[in-house]
Amino acid sequence: MAVPKRRMSRSNTRSRRSQFKAALVTLTECANPACKAKHPSHTMCPECGQYGTKAKLRQVVEIEA
């Protein structure tokens, strides 16, 4: 395993850490034409319980009214 030969300075450490930041979650519109709710991509829609694209939309969870 590689081990640093010298200690990294405080300014170099902080410069490196300044690039690491949390990104906002991108929300996508539900593919169900009747729903159109916003949800995180690659997840099931919490409103209608469906997952997939317009071509391959499948019911994953039954949502009670």
PDB file of N, CA and C in Angstrom:
ATOM      1  N   MET A   1       0.836  -1.177   0.000  1.00  0.00           N
ATOM      2  CA  MET A   1       0.000   0.000   0.000  1.00  0.00           C
ATOM      3  C   MET A   1       0.880   1.239   0.000  1.00  0.00           C
ATOM      4  N   ALA A   2       0.502   2.238  -0.758  1.00  0.00           N
ATOM      5  CA  ALA A   2       1.294   3.464  -0.850  1.00  0.00           C
ATOM      6  C   ALA A   2       1.115   4.309   0.407  1.00  0.00           C
ATOM      7  N   VAL A   3       2.244   4.799   0.905  1.00  0.00           N
ATOM      8  CA  VAL A   3       2.238   5.656   2.084  1.00  0.00           C
ATOM      9  C   VAL A   3       2.939   6.956   1.710  1.00  0.00           C
ATOM     10  N   PRO A   4       2.348   8.119   2.061  1.00  0.00           N
ATOM     11  CA  PRO A   4       2.987   9.383   1.707  1.00  0.00           C
ATOM     12  C   PRO A   4       4.342   9.546   2.397  1.00  0.00           C
ATOM     13  N   LYS A   5       5.302  10.093   1.662  1.00  0.00           N
ATOM     14  CA  LYS A   5       6.651  10.275   2.200  1.00  0.00           C
ATOM     15  C   LYS A   5       6.699  11.459   3.159  1.00  0.00           C
ATOM     16  N   ARG A   6       5.936  12.508   2.843  1.00  0.00           N
ATOM     17  CA  ARG A   6       5.916  13.701   3.691  1.00  0.00           C
ATOM     18  C   ARG A   6       4.473  14.073   4.029  1.00  0.00           C
ATOM     19  N   ARG A   7       4.357  14.802   5.124  1.00  0.00           N
ATOM     20  CA  ARG A   7       3.043  15.256   5.552  1.00  0.00           C
ATOM     21  C   ARG A   7       2.503  16.288   4.570  1.00  0.00           C
ATOM     22  N   MET A   8       1.207  16.191   4.248  1.00  0.00           N
ATOM     23  CA  MET A   8       0.589  17.152   3.335  1.00  0.00           C
ATOM     24  C   MET A   8       0.266  18.436   4.108  1.00  0.00           C
ATOM     25  N   SER A   9       0.584  19.574   3.510  1.00  0.00           N
ATOM     26  CA  SER A   9       0.366  20.840   4.191  1.00  0.00           C
ATOM     27  C   SER A   9      -1.123  21.112   4.400  1.00  0.00           C
ATOM     28  N   ARG A  10      -1.410  22.000   5.328  1.00  0.00           N
ATOM     29  CA  ARG A  10      -2.793  22.329   5.652  1.00  0.00           C
ATOM     30  C   ARG A  10      -3.517  22.952   4.460  1.00  0.00           C
ATOM     31  N   SER A  11      -2.832  23.820   3.713  1.00  0.00           N
ATOM     32  CA  SER A  11      -3.478  24.476   2.565  1.00  0.00           C
ATOM     33  C   SER A  11      -3.764  23.477   1.440  1.00  0.00           C
ATOM     34  N   ASN A  12      -2.843  22.541   1.203  1.00  0.00           N
ATOM     35  CA  ASN A  12      -3.083  21.522   0.188  1.00  0.00           C
ATOM     36  C   ASN A  12      -4.239  20.604   0.585  1.00  0.00           C
ATOM     37  N   THR A  13      -4.299  20.251   1.865  1.00  0.00           N
ATOM     38  CA  THR A  13      -5.379  19.405   2.345  1.00  0.00           C
ATOM     39  C   THR A  13      -6.714  20.101   2.172  1.00  0.00           C
ATOM     40  N   ARG A  14      -6.777  21.362   2.560  1.00  0.00           N
ATOM     41  CA  ARG A  14      -8.034  22.099   2.461  1.00  0.00           C
ATOM     42  C   ARG A  14      -8.419  22.384   1.020  1.00  0.00           C
ATOM     43  N   SER A  15      -7.439  22.568   0.143  1.00  0.00           N
ATOM     44  CA  SER A  15      -7.745  22.771  -1.272  1.00  0.00           C
ATOM     45  C   SER A  15      -8.352  21.513  -1.873  1.00  0.00           C
ATOM     46  N   ARG A  16      -7.833  20.367  -1.493  1.00  0.00           N
ATOM     47  CA  ARG A  16      -8.370  19.106  -1.981  1.00  0.00           C
ATOM     48  C   ARG A  16      -9.788  18.883  -1.455  1.00  0.00           C
ATOM     49  N   ARG A  17      -9.990  19.160  -0.187  1.00  0.00           N
ATOM     50  CA  ARG A  17     -11.305  18.936   0.425  1.00  0.00           C
ATOM     51  C   ARG A  17     -12.359  19.901  -0.091  1.00  0.00           C
ATOM     52  N   SER A  18     -11.955  21.050  -0.595  1.00  0.00           N
ATOM     53  CA  SER A  18     -12.937  22.026  -1.072  1.00  0.00           C
ATOM     54  C   SER A  18     -13.678  21.517  -2.305  1.00  0.00           C
ATOM     55  N   GLN A  19     -13.080  20.566  -3.030  1.00  0.00           N
ATOM     56  CA  GLN A  19     -13.726  20.020  -4.224  1.00  0.00           C
ATOM     57  C   GLN A  19     -14.762  18.955  -3.880  1.00  0.00           C
ATOM     58  N   PHE A  20     -14.693  18.408  -2.670  1.00  0.00           N
ATOM     59  CA  PHE A  20     -15.612  17.350  -2.262  1.00  0.00           C
ATOM     60  C   PHE A  20     -16.842  17.976  -1.631  1.00  0.00           C
ATOM     61  N   LYS A  21     -17.969  17.905  -2.323  1.00  0.00           N
ATOM     62  CA  LYS A  21     -19.191  18.474  -1.780  1.00  0.00           C
ATOM     63  C   LYS A  21     -20.384  17.616  -2.172  1.00  0.00           C
ATOM     64  N   ALA A  22     -21.409  17.696  -1.402  1.00  0.00           N
ATOM     65  CA  ALA A  22     -22.617  16.909  -1.659  1.00  0.00           C
ATOM     66  C   ALA A  22     -23.351  17.485  -2.858  1.00  0.00           C
ATOM     67  N   ALA A  23     -23.909  16.603  -3.684  1.00  0.00           N
ATOM     68  CA  ALA A  23     -24.668  17.036  -4.854  1.00  0.00           C
ATOM     69  C   ALA A  23     -26.162  16.858  -4.584  1.00  0.00           C
ATOM     70  N   LEU A  24     -26.960  17.702  -5.201  1.00  0.00           N
ATOM     71  CA  LEU A  24     -28.399  17.586  -5.066  1.00  0.00           C
ATOM     72  C   LEU A  24     -28.894  16.349  -5.808  1.00  0.00           C
ATOM     73  N   VAL A  25     -29.924  15.731  -5.280  1.00  0.00           N
ATOM     74  CA  VAL A  25     -30.527  14.573  -5.921  1.00  0.00           C
ATOM     75  C   VAL A  25     -31.355  15.064  -7.097  1.00  0.00           C
ATOM     76  N   THR A  26     -31.130  14.485  -8.287  1.00  0.00           N
ATOM     77  CA  THR A  26     -31.906  14.888  -9.454  1.00  0.00           C
ATOM     78  C   THR A  26     -33.239  14.159  -9.442  1.00  0.00           C
ATOM     79  N   LEU A  27     -34.298  14.923  -9.559  1.00  0.00           N
ATOM     80  CA  LEU A  27     -35.631  14.355  -9.567  1.00  0.00           C
ATOM     81  C   LEU A  27     -36.112  14.219 -11.002  1.00  0.00           C
ATOM     82  N   THR A  28     -36.771  13.098 -11.276  1.00  0.00           N
ATOM     83  CA  THR A  28     -37.328  12.870 -12.603  1.00  0.00           C
ATOM     84  C   THR A  28     -38.841  12.783 -12.497  1.00  0.00           C
ATOM     85  N   GLU A  29     -39.482  13.024 -13.611  1.00  0.00           N
ATOM     86  CA  GLU A  29     -40.935  12.957 -13.662  1.00  0.00           C
ATOM     87  C   GLU A  29     -41.359  11.506 -13.860  1.00  0.00           C
ATOM     88  N   CYS A  30     -42.432  11.108 -13.216  1.00  0.00           N
ATOM     89  CA  CYS A  30     -42.933   9.740 -13.340  1.00  0.00           C
ATOM     90  C   CYS A  30     -43.356   9.484 -14.781  1.00  0.00           C
ATOM     91  N   ALA A  31     -43.064   8.282 -15.277  1.00  0.00           N
ATOM     92  CA  ALA A  31     -43.384   7.921 -16.659  1.00  0.00           C
ATOM     93  C   ALA A  31     -44.871   7.640 -16.845  1.00  0.00           C
ATOM     94  N   ASN A  32     -45.576   7.420 -15.757  1.00  0.00           N
ATOM     95  CA  ASN A  32     -47.015   7.185 -15.826  1.00  0.00           C
ATOM     96  C   ASN A  32     -47.704   8.487 -16.242  1.00  0.00           C
ATOM     97  N   PRO A  33     -48.426   8.501 -17.371  1.00  0.00           N
ATOM     98  CA  PRO A  33     -49.054   9.746 -17.826  1.00  0.00           C
ATOM     99  C   PRO A  33     -50.097  10.290 -16.858  1.00  0.00           C
ATOM    100  N   ALA A  34     -50.698   9.436 -16.058  1.00  0.00           N
ATOM    101  CA  ALA A  34     -51.709   9.886 -15.108  1.00  0.00           C
ATOM    102  C   ALA A  34     -51.092  10.455 -13.832  1.00  0.00           C
ATOM    103  N   CYS A  35     -49.856  10.109 -13.518  1.00  0.00           N
ATOM    104  CA  CYS A  35     -49.230  10.493 -12.246  1.00  0.00           C
ATOM    105  C   CYS A  35     -48.399  11.773 -12.381  1.00  0.00           C
ATOM    106  N   LYS A  36     -47.293  11.706 -13.131  1.00  0.00           N
ATOM    107  CA  LYS A  36     -46.358  12.818 -13.356  1.00  0.00           C
ATOM    108  C   LYS A  36     -45.767  13.404 -12.068  1.00  0.00           C
ATOM    109  N   ALA A  37     -45.635  12.590 -10.999  1.00  0.00           N
ATOM    110  CA  ALA A  37     -45.031  13.048  -9.751  1.00  0.00           C
ATOM    111  C   ALA A  37     -43.509  13.053  -9.885  1.00  0.00           C
ATOM    112  N   LYS A  38     -42.835  13.860  -9.104  1.00  0.00           N
ATOM    113  CA  LYS A  38     -41.373  13.917  -9.094  1.00  0.00           C
ATOM    114  C   LYS A  38     -40.833  12.907  -8.089  1.00  0.00           C
ATOM    115  N   HIS A  39     -39.792  12.146  -8.495  1.00  0.00           N
ATOM    116  CA  HIS A  39     -39.151  11.175  -7.618  1.00  0.00           C
ATOM    117  C   HIS A  39     -37.704  11.004  -8.068  1.00  0.00           C
ATOM    118  N   PRO A  40     -36.807  10.494  -7.190  1.00  0.00           N
ATOM    119  CA  PRO A  40     -35.412  10.265  -7.585  1.00  0.00           C
ATOM    120  C   PRO A  40     -35.330   9.247  -8.722  1.00  0.00           C
ATOM    121  N   SER A  41     -34.387   9.449  -9.628  1.00  0.00           N
ATOM    122  CA  SER A  41     -34.263   8.542 -10.762  1.00  0.00           C
ATOM    123  C   SER A  41     -33.838   7.156 -10.300  1.00  0.00           C
ATOM    124  N   HIS A  42     -34.224   6.132 -11.054  1.00  0.00           N
ATOM    125  CA  HIS A  42     -33.939   4.727 -10.776  1.00  0.00           C
ATOM    126  C   HIS A  42     -34.584   4.254  -9.477  1.00  0.00           C
ATOM    127  N   THR A  43     -35.695   4.850  -9.089  1.00  0.00           N
ATOM    128  CA  THR A  43     -36.458   4.396  -7.935  1.00  0.00           C
ATOM    129  C   THR A  43     -37.932   4.334  -8.320  1.00  0.00           C
ATOM    130  N   MET A  44     -38.685   3.619  -7.511  1.00  0.00           N
ATOM    131  CA  MET A  44     -40.121   3.500  -7.731  1.00  0.00           C
ATOM    132  C   MET A  44     -40.796   4.830  -7.386  1.00  0.00           C
ATOM    133  N   CYS A  45     -41.872   5.138  -8.081  1.00  0.00           N
ATOM    134  CA  CYS A  45     -42.644   6.348  -7.795  1.00  0.00           C
ATOM    135  C   CYS A  45     -43.444   6.126  -6.515  1.00  0.00           C
ATOM    136  N   PRO A  46     -43.285   6.975  -5.494  1.00  0.00           N
ATOM    137  CA  PRO A  46     -44.023   6.764  -4.241  1.00  0.00           C
ATOM    138  C   PRO A  46     -45.509   7.072  -4.366  1.00  0.00           C
ATOM    139  N   GLU A  47     -45.906   7.818  -5.382  1.00  0.00           N
ATOM    140  CA  GLU A  47     -47.313   8.183  -5.546  1.00  0.00           C
ATOM    141  C   GLU A  47     -48.138   7.048  -6.163  1.00  0.00           C
ATOM    142  N   CYS A  48     -47.624   6.450  -7.265  1.00  0.00           N
ATOM    143  CA  CYS A  48     -48.410   5.431  -7.966  1.00  0.00           C
ATOM    144  C   CYS A  48     -47.835   4.022  -7.818  1.00  0.00           C
ATOM    145  N   GLY A  49     -46.595   3.884  -7.330  1.00  0.00           N
ATOM    146  CA  GLY A  49     -46.005   2.567  -7.105  1.00  0.00           C
ATOM    147  C   GLY A  49     -45.483   1.888  -8.352  1.00  0.00           C
ATOM    148  N   GLN A  50     -45.237   2.646  -9.431  1.00  0.00           N
ATOM    149  CA  GLN A  50     -44.748   2.060 -10.669  1.00  0.00           C
ATOM    150  C   GLN A  50     -43.279   2.410 -10.878  1.00  0.00           C
ATOM    151  N   TYR A  51     -42.606   1.579 -11.702  1.00  0.00           N
ATOM    152  CA  TYR A  51     -41.182   1.759 -11.977  1.00  0.00           C
ATOM    153  C   TYR A  51     -40.928   1.487 -13.442  1.00  0.00           C
ATOM    154  N   GLY A  52     -40.052   2.249 -14.060  1.00  0.00           N
ATOM    155  CA  GLY A  52     -39.639   1.986 -15.426  1.00  0.00           C
ATOM    156  C   GLY A  52     -39.848   3.182 -16.338  1.00  0.00           C
ATOM    157  N   THR A  53     -39.699   2.917 -17.635  1.00  0.00           N
ATOM    158  CA  THR A  53     -39.880   3.946 -18.649  1.00  0.00           C
ATOM    159  C   THR A  53     -41.261   3.801 -19.276  1.00  0.00           C
ATOM    160  N   LYS A  54     -41.584   4.687 -20.195  1.00  0.00           N
ATOM    161  CA  LYS A  54     -42.897   4.624 -20.850  1.00  0.00           C
ATOM    162  C   LYS A  54     -43.089   3.307 -21.588  1.00  0.00           C
ATOM    163  N   ALA A  55     -42.016   2.769 -22.180  1.00  0.00           N
ATOM    164  CA  ALA A  55     -42.110   1.510 -22.916  1.00  0.00           C
ATOM    165  C   ALA A  55     -42.239   0.310 -21.980  1.00  0.00           C
ATOM    166  N   LYS A  56     -41.575   0.358 -20.824  1.00  0.00           N
ATOM    167  CA  LYS A  56     -41.561  -0.774 -19.879  1.00  0.00           C
ATOM    168  C   LYS A  56     -41.984  -0.307 -18.493  1.00  0.00           C
ATOM    169  N   LEU A  57     -43.212   0.102 -18.344  1.00  0.00           N
ATOM    170  CA  LEU A  57     -43.729   0.561 -17.058  1.00  0.00           C
ATOM    171  C   LEU A  57     -44.360  -0.618 -16.332  1.00  0.00           C
ATOM    172  N   ARG A  58     -43.906  -0.913 -15.111  1.00  0.00           N
ATOM    173  CA  ARG A  58     -44.461  -2.053 -14.382  1.00  0.00           C
ATOM    174  C   ARG A  58     -44.841  -1.647 -12.964  1.00  0.00           C
ATOM    175  N   GLN A  59     -45.892  -2.274 -12.472  1.00  0.00           N
ATOM    176  CA  GLN A  59     -46.395  -2.019 -11.135  1.00  0.00           C
ATOM    177  C   GLN A  59     -45.544  -2.795 -10.142  1.00  0.00           C
ATOM    178  N   VAL A  60     -44.926  -2.091  -9.189  1.00  0.00           N
ATOM    179  CA  VAL A  60     -44.053  -2.725  -8.218  1.00  0.00           C
ATOM    180  C   VAL A  60     -44.773  -2.904  -6.882  1.00  0.00           C
ATOM    181  N   VAL A  61     -45.488  -1.873  -6.447  1.00  0.00           N
ATOM    182  CA  VAL A  61     -46.168  -1.883  -5.161  1.00  0.00           C
ATOM    183  C   VAL A  61     -47.599  -1.399  -5.378  1.00  0.00           C
ATOM    184  N   GLU A  62     -48.532  -2.042  -4.684  1.00  0.00           N
ATOM    185  CA  GLU A  62     -49.921  -1.586  -4.738  1.00  0.00           C
ATOM    186  C   GLU A  62     -50.092  -0.450  -3.718  1.00  0.00           C
ATOM    187  N   ILE A  63     -50.518   0.707  -4.196  1.00  0.00           N
ATOM    188  CA  ILE A  63     -50.740   1.872  -3.329  1.00  0.00           C
ATOM    189  C   ILE A  63     -52.239   1.959  -3.018  1.00  0.00           C
ATOM    190  N   GLU A  64     -52.560   2.065  -1.715  1.00  0.00           N
ATOM    191  CA  GLU A  64     -53.959   2.190  -1.325  1.00  0.00           C
ATOM    192  C   GLU A  64     -54.370   3.662  -1.386  1.00  0.00           C
ATOM    193  N   ALA A  65     -55.590   3.910  -1.776  1.00  0.00           N
ATOM    194  CA  ALA A  65     -56.084   5.280  -1.924  1.00  0.00           C
ATOM    195  C   ALA A  65     -56.414   5.925  -0.613  1.00  0.00           C
TER     196      ALA A  65
END
